[in-house]
Amino acid sequence: MTMGWAWLFLLLATYPWLLGADLASDALAPSSLVVFVTGACLVAPCRRLKRWQCVLFAACLGFLFEARRAVPDGALALTLVAVAIYLSSHRALLRTTPRMLQGAAAVNVGACLAWYAAAALAAPSSADGMAGHLFGQLLLAAVVGVLGFVPIALTQNAAMDRLGVPPAPETP
């Protein structure tokens, strides 16, 4: 029975990282930059959880981020669900550590871009001159995705080990 709820317990183990990123974003508020780790939190679970668990985990990650930001409902959550379906269907892409780091950076940047685009479309004012800010935000998302992935993945893997989730297969 615990295995079926592994995604929820994993979400609880991941939440301190999301909260820390949110607090760091509050500290960076004068610069209008957001410490975005939501995409990087998705990579390790997609390697080990079942597809339906990955989808629930990704949706909850997206909605947790959207709860504190001016984002149209479901924009980031549905993006993360699509990424979770793709990654859980192509686990071979995440077989090695360098590939997981690349995946963490790519997913984090892609999810950040989806969030930024959805927020810009929903904004009542014009977004003139925001291209430079977008580049800075995506660069920060890539750096945070790579640097934050290792401790986040270690926490998530430890939680999955305690929950009895089988290790990721090393062969296809």
N, C-alpha and C. Protein backbone atom coordinates (compact mmCIF):
# COMPACT_ATOMS: atom_id res chain seq x y z
N MET A 1 0.82 -1.19 0.00
CA MET A 1 0.00 0.00 0.00
C MET A 1 0.86 1.26 0.00
N THR A 2 2.00 1.21 0.67
CA THR A 2 2.88 2.37 0.71
C THR A 2 3.39 2.72 -0.68
N MET A 3 3.63 1.70 -1.50
CA MET A 3 4.17 1.94 -2.84
C MET A 3 3.23 2.80 -3.67
N GLY A 4 1.92 2.62 -3.51
CA GLY A 4 0.96 3.42 -4.25
C GLY A 4 0.97 4.88 -3.85
N TRP A 5 1.32 5.15 -2.62
CA TRP A 5 1.37 6.52 -2.12
C TRP A 5 2.78 7.09 -2.13
N ALA A 6 3.70 6.42 -2.79
CA ALA A 6 5.10 6.87 -2.80
C ALA A 6 5.23 8.27 -3.37
N TRP A 7 4.43 8.60 -4.37
CA TRP A 7 4.52 9.93 -4.99
C TRP A 7 4.18 11.02 -3.98
N LEU A 8 3.19 10.76 -3.09
CA LEU A 8 2.80 11.76 -2.10
C LEU A 8 3.87 11.93 -1.04
N PHE A 9 4.41 10.81 -0.57
CA PHE A 9 5.49 10.90 0.42
C PHE A 9 6.73 11.55 -0.18
N LEU A 10 6.97 11.29 -1.46
CA LEU A 10 8.09 11.92 -2.15
C LEU A 10 7.86 13.42 -2.29
N LEU A 11 6.62 13.81 -2.51
CA LEU A 11 6.29 15.24 -2.57
C LEU A 11 6.56 15.90 -1.22
N LEU A 12 6.22 15.21 -0.15
CA LEU A 12 6.50 15.75 1.19
C LEU A 12 8.00 15.87 1.44
N ALA A 13 8.79 14.92 0.92
CA ALA A 13 10.24 14.98 1.07
C ALA A 13 10.85 16.08 0.20
N THR A 14 10.18 16.40 -0.90
CA THR A 14 10.68 17.42 -1.82
C THR A 14 10.27 18.83 -1.39
N TYR A 15 9.20 18.93 -0.64
CA TYR A 15 8.66 20.24 -0.28
C TYR A 15 9.67 21.17 0.41
N PRO A 16 10.53 20.70 1.30
CA PRO A 16 11.51 21.64 1.89
C PRO A 16 12.39 22.32 0.84
N TRP A 17 12.72 21.62 -0.25
CA TRP A 17 13.51 22.23 -1.31
C TRP A 17 12.70 23.29 -2.03
N LEU A 18 11.44 23.03 -2.25
CA LEU A 18 10.57 24.02 -2.90
C LEU A 18 10.39 25.24 -2.00
N LEU A 19 10.22 24.99 -0.72
CA LEU A 19 10.08 26.10 0.23
C LEU A 19 11.36 26.92 0.30
N GLY A 20 12.52 26.26 0.33
CA GLY A 20 13.80 26.98 0.34
C GLY A 20 13.98 27.83 -0.91
N ALA A 21 13.60 27.30 -2.05
CA ALA A 21 13.69 28.08 -3.30
C ALA A 21 12.74 29.26 -3.26
N ASP A 22 11.57 29.06 -2.68
CA ASP A 22 10.61 30.14 -2.57
C ASP A 22 11.11 31.24 -1.64
N LEU A 23 11.73 30.84 -0.54
CA LEU A 23 12.30 31.83 0.39
C LEU A 23 13.47 32.58 -0.26
N ALA A 24 14.30 31.86 -1.03
CA ALA A 24 15.39 32.52 -1.74
C ALA A 24 14.84 33.48 -2.79
N SER A 25 13.74 33.11 -3.42
CA SER A 25 13.10 34.00 -4.40
C SER A 25 12.59 35.26 -3.72
N ASP A 26 12.05 35.11 -2.51
CA ASP A 26 11.60 36.29 -1.76
C ASP A 26 12.78 37.20 -1.43
N ALA A 27 13.93 36.61 -1.15
CA ALA A 27 15.12 37.41 -0.86
C ALA A 27 15.62 38.14 -2.11
N LEU A 28 15.41 37.52 -3.28
CA LEU A 28 15.82 38.12 -4.55
C LEU A 28 14.73 38.99 -5.18
N ALA A 29 13.65 39.24 -4.46
CA ALA A 29 12.51 39.97 -5.01
C ALA A 29 12.88 41.34 -5.61
N PRO A 30 13.81 42.10 -5.02
CA PRO A 30 14.15 43.38 -5.65
C PRO A 30 14.72 43.24 -7.06
N SER A 31 15.35 42.12 -7.36
CA SER A 31 15.91 41.91 -8.69
C SER A 31 14.91 41.27 -9.65
N SER A 32 13.75 40.90 -9.15
CA SER A 32 12.69 40.25 -9.93
C SER A 32 13.09 38.88 -10.47
N LEU A 33 14.09 38.25 -9.87
CA LEU A 33 14.49 36.91 -10.27
C LEU A 33 13.86 35.89 -9.32
N VAL A 34 13.56 34.73 -9.85
CA VAL A 34 12.96 33.66 -9.07
C VAL A 34 13.89 32.46 -9.10
N VAL A 35 14.16 31.89 -7.94
CA VAL A 35 14.96 30.67 -7.86
C VAL A 35 14.01 29.53 -8.19
N PHE A 36 14.14 29.02 -9.39
CA PHE A 36 13.20 28.04 -9.92
C PHE A 36 13.85 26.66 -9.90
N VAL A 37 13.35 25.76 -9.03
CA VAL A 37 13.89 24.40 -8.96
C VAL A 37 12.83 23.35 -9.27
N THR A 38 11.64 23.79 -9.58
CA THR A 38 10.52 22.87 -9.76
C THR A 38 10.79 21.84 -10.84
N GLY A 39 11.38 22.25 -11.95
CA GLY A 39 11.68 21.31 -13.03
C GLY A 39 12.74 20.30 -12.64
N ALA A 40 13.75 20.75 -11.91
CA ALA A 40 14.83 19.84 -11.48
C ALA A 40 14.31 18.80 -10.49
N CYS A 41 13.26 19.14 -9.75
CA CYS A 41 12.69 18.19 -8.78
C CYS A 41 11.97 17.03 -9.47
N LEU A 42 11.75 17.12 -10.76
CA LEU A 42 10.98 16.12 -11.47
C LEU A 42 11.83 14.99 -12.04
N VAL A 43 13.12 15.20 -12.21
CA VAL A 43 13.96 14.25 -12.94
C VAL A 43 14.17 12.93 -12.20
N ALA A 44 14.60 12.97 -10.96
CA ALA A 44 14.87 11.73 -10.22
C ALA A 44 13.62 10.86 -10.04
N PRO A 45 12.46 11.42 -9.70
CA PRO A 45 11.27 10.57 -9.59
C PRO A 45 10.86 9.92 -10.92
N CYS A 46 11.09 10.60 -12.02
CA CYS A 46 10.73 10.03 -13.33
C CYS A 46 11.59 8.82 -13.68
N ARG A 47 12.70 8.69 -13.01
CA ARG A 47 13.57 7.54 -13.23
C ARG A 47 13.08 6.29 -12.51
N ARG A 48 12.36 6.47 -11.40
CA ARG A 48 12.02 5.32 -10.56
C ARG A 48 10.53 5.08 -10.36
N LEU A 49 9.72 6.10 -10.35
CA LEU A 49 8.30 5.90 -10.09
C LEU A 49 7.57 5.39 -11.32
N LYS A 50 6.41 4.82 -11.11
CA LYS A 50 5.56 4.42 -12.23
C LYS A 50 5.02 5.68 -12.90
N ARG A 51 4.60 5.54 -14.16
CA ARG A 51 4.17 6.70 -14.94
C ARG A 51 3.03 7.45 -14.26
N TRP A 52 2.03 6.76 -13.75
CA TRP A 52 0.90 7.46 -13.14
C TRP A 52 1.33 8.20 -11.88
N GLN A 53 2.32 7.65 -11.17
CA GLN A 53 2.83 8.34 -9.99
C GLN A 53 3.62 9.59 -10.40
N CYS A 54 4.36 9.48 -11.49
CA CYS A 54 5.11 10.64 -12.00
C CYS A 54 4.15 11.75 -12.41
N VAL A 55 3.04 11.40 -13.02
CA VAL A 55 2.06 12.39 -13.45
C VAL A 55 1.47 13.11 -12.24
N LEU A 56 1.08 12.36 -11.22
CA LEU A 56 0.52 12.99 -10.02
C LEU A 56 1.56 13.87 -9.33
N PHE A 57 2.79 13.37 -9.24
CA PHE A 57 3.87 14.13 -8.62
C PHE A 57 4.11 15.43 -9.38
N ALA A 58 4.17 15.36 -10.72
CA ALA A 58 4.42 16.54 -11.54
C ALA A 58 3.29 17.55 -11.43
N ALA A 59 2.06 17.08 -11.42
CA ALA A 59 0.92 17.99 -11.29
C ALA A 59 0.96 18.72 -9.96
N CYS A 60 1.26 18.00 -8.90
CA CYS A 60 1.34 18.64 -7.58
C CYS A 60 2.50 19.63 -7.52
N LEU A 61 3.65 19.29 -8.12
CA LEU A 61 4.76 20.24 -8.16
C LEU A 61 4.35 21.53 -8.85
N GLY A 62 3.69 21.38 -9.99
CA GLY A 62 3.25 22.56 -10.74
C GLY A 62 2.26 23.40 -9.97
N PHE A 63 1.29 22.75 -9.34
CA PHE A 63 0.28 23.51 -8.60
C PHE A 63 0.87 24.15 -7.35
N LEU A 64 1.87 23.52 -6.73
CA LEU A 64 2.53 24.15 -5.58
C LEU A 64 3.24 25.43 -6.00
N PHE A 65 3.87 25.43 -7.17
CA PHE A 65 4.52 26.64 -7.64
C PHE A 65 3.49 27.69 -8.02
N GLU A 66 2.44 27.28 -8.71
CA GLU A 66 1.42 28.22 -9.16
C GLU A 66 0.66 28.86 -8.01
N ALA A 67 0.64 28.22 -6.86
CA ALA A 67 -0.09 28.75 -5.72
C ALA A 67 0.47 30.07 -5.24
N ARG A 68 1.75 30.32 -5.45
CA ARG A 68 2.37 31.56 -4.97
C ARG A 68 2.72 32.55 -6.07
N ARG A 69 2.44 32.23 -7.30
CA ARG A 69 2.82 33.09 -8.40
C ARG A 69 1.61 33.45 -9.25
N ALA A 70 1.72 34.54 -9.97
CA ALA A 70 0.66 34.96 -10.89
C ALA A 70 0.81 34.19 -12.20
N VAL A 71 0.30 32.97 -12.19
CA VAL A 71 0.38 32.07 -13.34
C VAL A 71 -1.03 31.59 -13.63
N PRO A 72 -1.42 31.53 -14.89
CA PRO A 72 -2.74 30.94 -15.18
C PRO A 72 -2.82 29.52 -14.64
N ASP A 73 -3.97 29.19 -14.09
CA ASP A 73 -4.14 27.88 -13.46
C ASP A 73 -3.82 26.74 -14.41
N GLY A 74 -2.93 25.87 -13.98
CA GLY A 74 -2.60 24.68 -14.73
C GLY A 74 -1.53 24.84 -15.79
N ALA A 75 -1.08 26.04 -16.06
CA ALA A 75 -0.09 26.25 -17.14
C ALA A 75 1.20 25.49 -16.85
N LEU A 76 1.77 25.70 -15.69
CA LEU A 76 3.01 25.01 -15.35
C LEU A 76 2.74 23.55 -15.01
N ALA A 77 1.64 23.28 -14.33
CA ALA A 77 1.34 21.90 -13.94
C ALA A 77 1.17 21.01 -15.16
N LEU A 78 0.47 21.47 -16.17
CA LEU A 78 0.28 20.66 -17.37
C LEU A 78 1.57 20.50 -18.16
N THR A 79 2.42 21.51 -18.14
CA THR A 79 3.73 21.39 -18.77
C THR A 79 4.56 20.32 -18.08
N LEU A 80 4.57 20.34 -16.75
CA LEU A 80 5.32 19.34 -16.00
C LEU A 80 4.74 17.94 -16.17
N VAL A 81 3.43 17.85 -16.31
CA VAL A 81 2.81 16.54 -16.55
C VAL A 81 3.27 15.99 -17.90
N ALA A 82 3.29 16.85 -18.92
CA ALA A 82 3.76 16.40 -20.24
C ALA A 82 5.21 15.95 -20.19
N VAL A 83 6.04 16.69 -19.47
CA VAL A 83 7.45 16.31 -19.32
C VAL A 83 7.57 15.00 -18.55
N ALA A 84 6.77 14.83 -17.51
CA ALA A 84 6.81 13.59 -16.73
C ALA A 84 6.41 12.39 -17.58
N ILE A 85 5.41 12.56 -18.42
CA ILE A 85 5.01 11.46 -19.30
C ILE A 85 6.14 11.11 -20.25
N TYR A 86 6.78 12.15 -20.80
CA TYR A 86 7.88 11.90 -21.73
C TYR A 86 9.06 11.22 -21.03
N LEU A 87 9.47 11.76 -19.89
CA LEU A 87 10.63 11.20 -19.18
C LEU A 87 10.37 9.80 -18.65
N SER A 88 9.17 9.55 -18.17
CA SER A 88 8.88 8.21 -17.65
C SER A 88 8.72 7.20 -18.79
N SER A 89 8.49 7.69 -20.00
CA SER A 89 8.42 6.80 -21.16
C SER A 89 9.79 6.56 -21.78
N HIS A 90 10.73 7.44 -21.52
CA HIS A 90 12.08 7.35 -22.09
C HIS A 90 13.12 7.39 -20.97
N ARG A 91 13.04 6.44 -20.07
CA ARG A 91 13.94 6.42 -18.91
C ARG A 91 15.40 6.24 -19.31
N ALA A 92 15.65 5.71 -20.50
CA ALA A 92 17.03 5.52 -20.95
C ALA A 92 17.76 6.86 -21.08
N LEU A 93 17.00 7.94 -21.28
CA LEU A 93 17.63 9.26 -21.38
C LEU A 93 18.25 9.69 -20.06
N LEU A 94 17.82 9.11 -18.97
CA LEU A 94 18.28 9.50 -17.64
C LEU A 94 19.15 8.43 -16.98
N ARG A 95 19.77 7.59 -17.78
CA ARG A 95 20.49 6.45 -17.24
C ARG A 95 21.79 6.85 -16.53
N THR A 96 22.53 7.81 -17.06
CA THR A 96 23.82 8.18 -16.47
C THR A 96 23.70 9.52 -15.74
N THR A 97 24.66 9.77 -14.86
CA THR A 97 24.65 11.01 -14.11
C THR A 97 24.77 12.25 -15.00
N PRO A 98 25.69 12.26 -15.98
CA PRO A 98 25.73 13.45 -16.85
C PRO A 98 24.41 13.69 -17.60
N ARG A 99 23.76 12.60 -18.01
CA ARG A 99 22.47 12.75 -18.71
C ARG A 99 21.39 13.27 -17.75
N MET A 100 21.45 12.85 -16.49
CA MET A 100 20.47 13.37 -15.52
C MET A 100 20.71 14.85 -15.25
N LEU A 101 21.98 15.26 -15.18
CA LEU A 101 22.28 16.69 -14.99
C LEU A 101 21.81 17.50 -16.18
N GLN A 102 22.04 16.99 -17.39
CA GLN A 102 21.54 17.67 -18.58
C GLN A 102 20.03 17.72 -18.57
N GLY A 103 19.41 16.62 -18.18
CA GLY A 103 17.95 16.58 -18.09
C GLY A 103 17.42 17.56 -17.07
N ALA A 104 18.08 17.66 -15.92
CA ALA A 104 17.64 18.59 -14.89
C ALA A 104 17.72 20.03 -15.39
N ALA A 105 18.81 20.36 -16.06
CA ALA A 105 18.94 21.72 -16.59
C ALA A 105 17.90 21.97 -17.68
N ALA A 106 17.72 21.02 -18.58
CA ALA A 106 16.77 21.20 -19.69
C ALA A 106 15.33 21.29 -19.19
N VAL A 107 14.96 20.41 -18.28
CA VAL A 107 13.59 20.43 -17.75
C VAL A 107 13.36 21.70 -16.95
N ASN A 108 14.33 22.10 -16.16
CA ASN A 108 14.17 23.31 -15.35
C ASN A 108 14.04 24.55 -16.23
N VAL A 109 14.86 24.64 -17.26
CA VAL A 109 14.79 25.80 -18.16
C VAL A 109 13.48 25.77 -18.95
N GLY A 110 13.10 24.60 -19.45
CA GLY A 110 11.85 24.50 -20.20
C GLY A 110 10.63 24.84 -19.37
N ALA A 111 10.59 24.33 -18.14
CA ALA A 111 9.46 24.63 -17.25
C ALA A 111 9.46 26.11 -16.86
N CYS A 112 10.64 26.67 -16.66
CA CYS A 112 10.74 28.10 -16.34
C CYS A 112 10.25 28.94 -17.51
N LEU A 113 10.61 28.55 -18.72
CA LEU A 113 10.15 29.26 -19.91
C LEU A 113 8.63 29.17 -20.04
N ALA A 114 8.06 27.99 -19.77
CA ALA A 114 6.60 27.83 -19.83
C ALA A 114 5.92 28.71 -18.78
N TRP A 115 6.48 28.75 -17.57
CA TRP A 115 5.93 29.61 -16.53
C TRP A 115 6.01 31.07 -16.94
N TYR A 116 7.16 31.49 -17.42
CA TYR A 116 7.37 32.88 -17.78
C TYR A 116 6.44 33.30 -18.93
N ALA A 117 6.31 32.44 -19.93
CA ALA A 117 5.43 32.75 -21.07
C ALA A 117 3.98 32.83 -20.64
N ALA A 118 3.54 31.90 -19.80
CA ALA A 118 2.16 31.91 -19.33
C ALA A 118 1.88 33.14 -18.47
N ALA A 119 2.84 33.51 -17.64
CA ALA A 119 2.66 34.70 -16.80
C ALA A 119 2.66 35.96 -17.65
N ALA A 120 3.48 36.01 -18.69
CA ALA A 120 3.52 37.18 -19.57
C ALA A 120 2.21 37.33 -20.35
N LEU A 121 1.65 36.20 -20.78
CA LEU A 121 0.39 36.26 -21.51
C LEU A 121 -0.76 36.70 -20.62
N ALA A 122 -0.69 36.36 -19.34
CA ALA A 122 -1.75 36.72 -18.41
C ALA A 122 -1.57 38.11 -17.82
N ALA A 123 -0.40 38.72 -18.01
CA ALA A 123 -0.13 40.03 -17.42
C ALA A 123 -0.95 41.10 -18.12
N PRO A 124 -1.52 42.01 -17.33
CA PRO A 124 -2.34 43.06 -17.93
C PRO A 124 -1.53 44.13 -18.65
N SER A 125 -0.26 44.28 -18.32
CA SER A 125 0.56 45.32 -18.92
C SER A 125 1.43 44.74 -20.03
N SER A 126 2.03 45.63 -20.78
CA SER A 126 2.91 45.22 -21.88
C SER A 126 4.21 44.65 -21.31
N ALA A 127 4.78 43.72 -22.03
CA ALA A 127 6.02 43.08 -21.59
C ALA A 127 7.21 43.59 -22.39
N ASP A 128 7.18 44.85 -22.81
CA ASP A 128 8.29 45.42 -23.56
C ASP A 128 9.54 45.46 -22.70
N GLY A 129 10.66 45.10 -23.30
CA GLY A 129 11.95 45.15 -22.61
C GLY A 129 12.18 44.00 -21.65
N MET A 130 11.36 42.98 -21.71
CA MET A 130 11.51 41.87 -20.78
C MET A 130 12.40 40.75 -21.32
N ALA A 131 12.90 40.88 -22.56
CA ALA A 131 13.73 39.83 -23.14
C ALA A 131 15.02 39.65 -22.35
N GLY A 132 15.63 40.75 -21.93
CA GLY A 132 16.85 40.65 -21.11
C GLY A 132 16.58 40.00 -19.77
N HIS A 133 15.45 40.33 -19.18
CA HIS A 133 15.08 39.71 -17.91
C HIS A 133 14.80 38.22 -18.10
N LEU A 134 14.17 37.87 -19.20
CA LEU A 134 13.90 36.46 -19.49
C LEU A 134 15.19 35.68 -19.63
N PHE A 135 16.17 36.25 -20.33
CA PHE A 135 17.45 35.57 -20.50
C PHE A 135 18.12 35.34 -19.14
N GLY A 136 18.11 36.35 -18.29
CA GLY A 136 18.67 36.21 -16.94
C GLY A 136 17.95 35.15 -16.12
N GLN A 137 16.63 35.13 -16.23
CA GLN A 137 15.85 34.15 -15.48
C GLN A 137 16.13 32.74 -15.97
N LEU A 138 16.24 32.55 -17.30
CA LEU A 138 16.52 31.22 -17.84
C LEU A 138 17.94 30.77 -17.51
N LEU A 139 18.88 31.70 -17.51
CA LEU A 139 20.25 31.37 -17.13
C LEU A 139 20.30 30.94 -15.65
N LEU A 140 19.59 31.67 -14.81
CA LEU A 140 19.52 31.30 -13.40
C LEU A 140 18.84 29.94 -13.23
N ALA A 141 17.81 29.68 -14.00
CA ALA A 141 17.12 28.38 -13.93
C ALA A 141 18.04 27.24 -14.33
N ALA A 142 18.87 27.46 -15.35
CA ALA A 142 19.81 26.42 -15.77
C ALA A 142 20.85 26.15 -14.68
N VAL A 143 21.41 27.20 -14.11
CA VAL A 143 22.43 27.04 -13.07
C VAL A 143 21.83 26.39 -11.82
N VAL A 144 20.68 26.86 -11.40
CA VAL A 144 20.04 26.30 -10.22
C VAL A 144 19.60 24.86 -10.49
N GLY A 145 19.17 24.57 -11.71
CA GLY A 145 18.78 23.22 -12.06
C GLY A 145 19.92 22.24 -11.92
N VAL A 146 21.10 22.63 -12.37
CA VAL A 146 22.26 21.74 -12.28
C VAL A 146 22.78 21.67 -10.85
N LEU A 147 22.96 22.82 -10.21
CA LEU A 147 23.52 22.82 -8.85
C LEU A 147 22.54 22.26 -7.81
N GLY A 148 21.27 22.52 -8.01
CA GLY A 148 20.29 22.05 -7.04
C GLY A 148 19.89 20.60 -7.24
N PHE A 149 20.16 20.06 -8.43
CA PHE A 149 19.71 18.71 -8.72
C PHE A 149 20.34 17.67 -7.80
N VAL A 150 21.62 17.77 -7.55
CA VAL A 150 22.32 16.74 -6.77
C VAL A 150 21.74 16.62 -5.35
N PRO A 151 21.65 17.69 -4.57
CA PRO A 151 21.09 17.49 -3.22
C PRO A 151 19.60 17.13 -3.25
N ILE A 152 18.86 17.68 -4.22
CA ILE A 152 17.44 17.34 -4.31
C ILE A 152 17.28 15.87 -4.66
N ALA A 153 18.04 15.40 -5.65
CA ALA A 153 17.95 13.99 -6.07
C ALA A 153 18.40 13.05 -4.96
N LEU A 154 19.41 13.44 -4.20
CA LEU A 154 19.85 12.60 -3.07
C LEU A 154 18.74 12.47 -2.04
N THR A 155 18.07 13.57 -1.75
CA THR A 155 16.94 13.54 -0.81
C THR A 155 15.81 12.67 -1.35
N GLN A 156 15.48 12.87 -2.62
CA GLN A 156 14.39 12.10 -3.21
C GLN A 156 14.73 10.62 -3.30
N ASN A 157 15.96 10.29 -3.68
CA ASN A 157 16.35 8.88 -3.76
C ASN A 157 16.35 8.22 -2.39
N ALA A 158 16.78 8.96 -1.37
CA ALA A 158 16.74 8.41 -0.01
C ALA A 158 15.30 8.15 0.42
N ALA A 159 14.40 9.06 0.08
CA ALA A 159 12.99 8.87 0.42
C ALA A 159 12.41 7.67 -0.33
N MET A 160 12.75 7.54 -1.61
CA MET A 160 12.24 6.41 -2.39
C MET A 160 12.82 5.09 -1.89
N ASP A 161 14.08 5.10 -1.46
CA ASP A 161 14.67 3.89 -0.89
C ASP A 161 13.93 3.48 0.38
N ARG A 162 13.62 4.45 1.24
CA ARG A 162 12.91 4.16 2.49
C ARG A 162 11.49 3.67 2.23
N LEU A 163 10.90 4.13 1.11
CA LEU A 163 9.54 3.71 0.76
C LEU A 163 9.48 2.39 0.04
N GLY A 164 10.65 1.87 -0.34
CA GLY A 164 10.69 0.59 -1.01
C GLY A 164 10.46 0.66 -2.51
N VAL A 165 10.66 1.84 -3.10
CA VAL A 165 10.56 1.96 -4.55
C VAL A 165 11.76 1.27 -5.15
N PRO A 166 11.56 0.36 -6.10
CA PRO A 166 12.71 -0.36 -6.67
C PRO A 166 13.70 0.60 -7.34
N PRO A 167 14.97 0.26 -7.28
CA PRO A 167 15.98 1.12 -7.93
C PRO A 167 15.73 1.20 -9.43
N ALA A 168 16.24 2.26 -10.00
CA ALA A 168 16.09 2.45 -11.45
C ALA A 168 16.90 1.39 -12.18
N PRO A 169 16.33 0.80 -13.24
CA PRO A 169 17.09 -0.21 -13.99
C PRO A 169 18.25 0.44 -14.73
N GLU A 170 19.37 -0.24 -14.75
CA GLU A 170 20.55 0.29 -15.43
C GLU A 170 20.59 -0.11 -16.89
N THR A 171 19.80 -1.09 -17.25
CA THR A 171 19.75 -1.51 -18.65
C THR A 171 18.34 -1.26 -19.18
N PRO A 172 18.23 -1.06 -20.49
CA PRO A 172 16.88 -0.76 -21.03
C PRO A 172 15.92 -1.92 -20.94
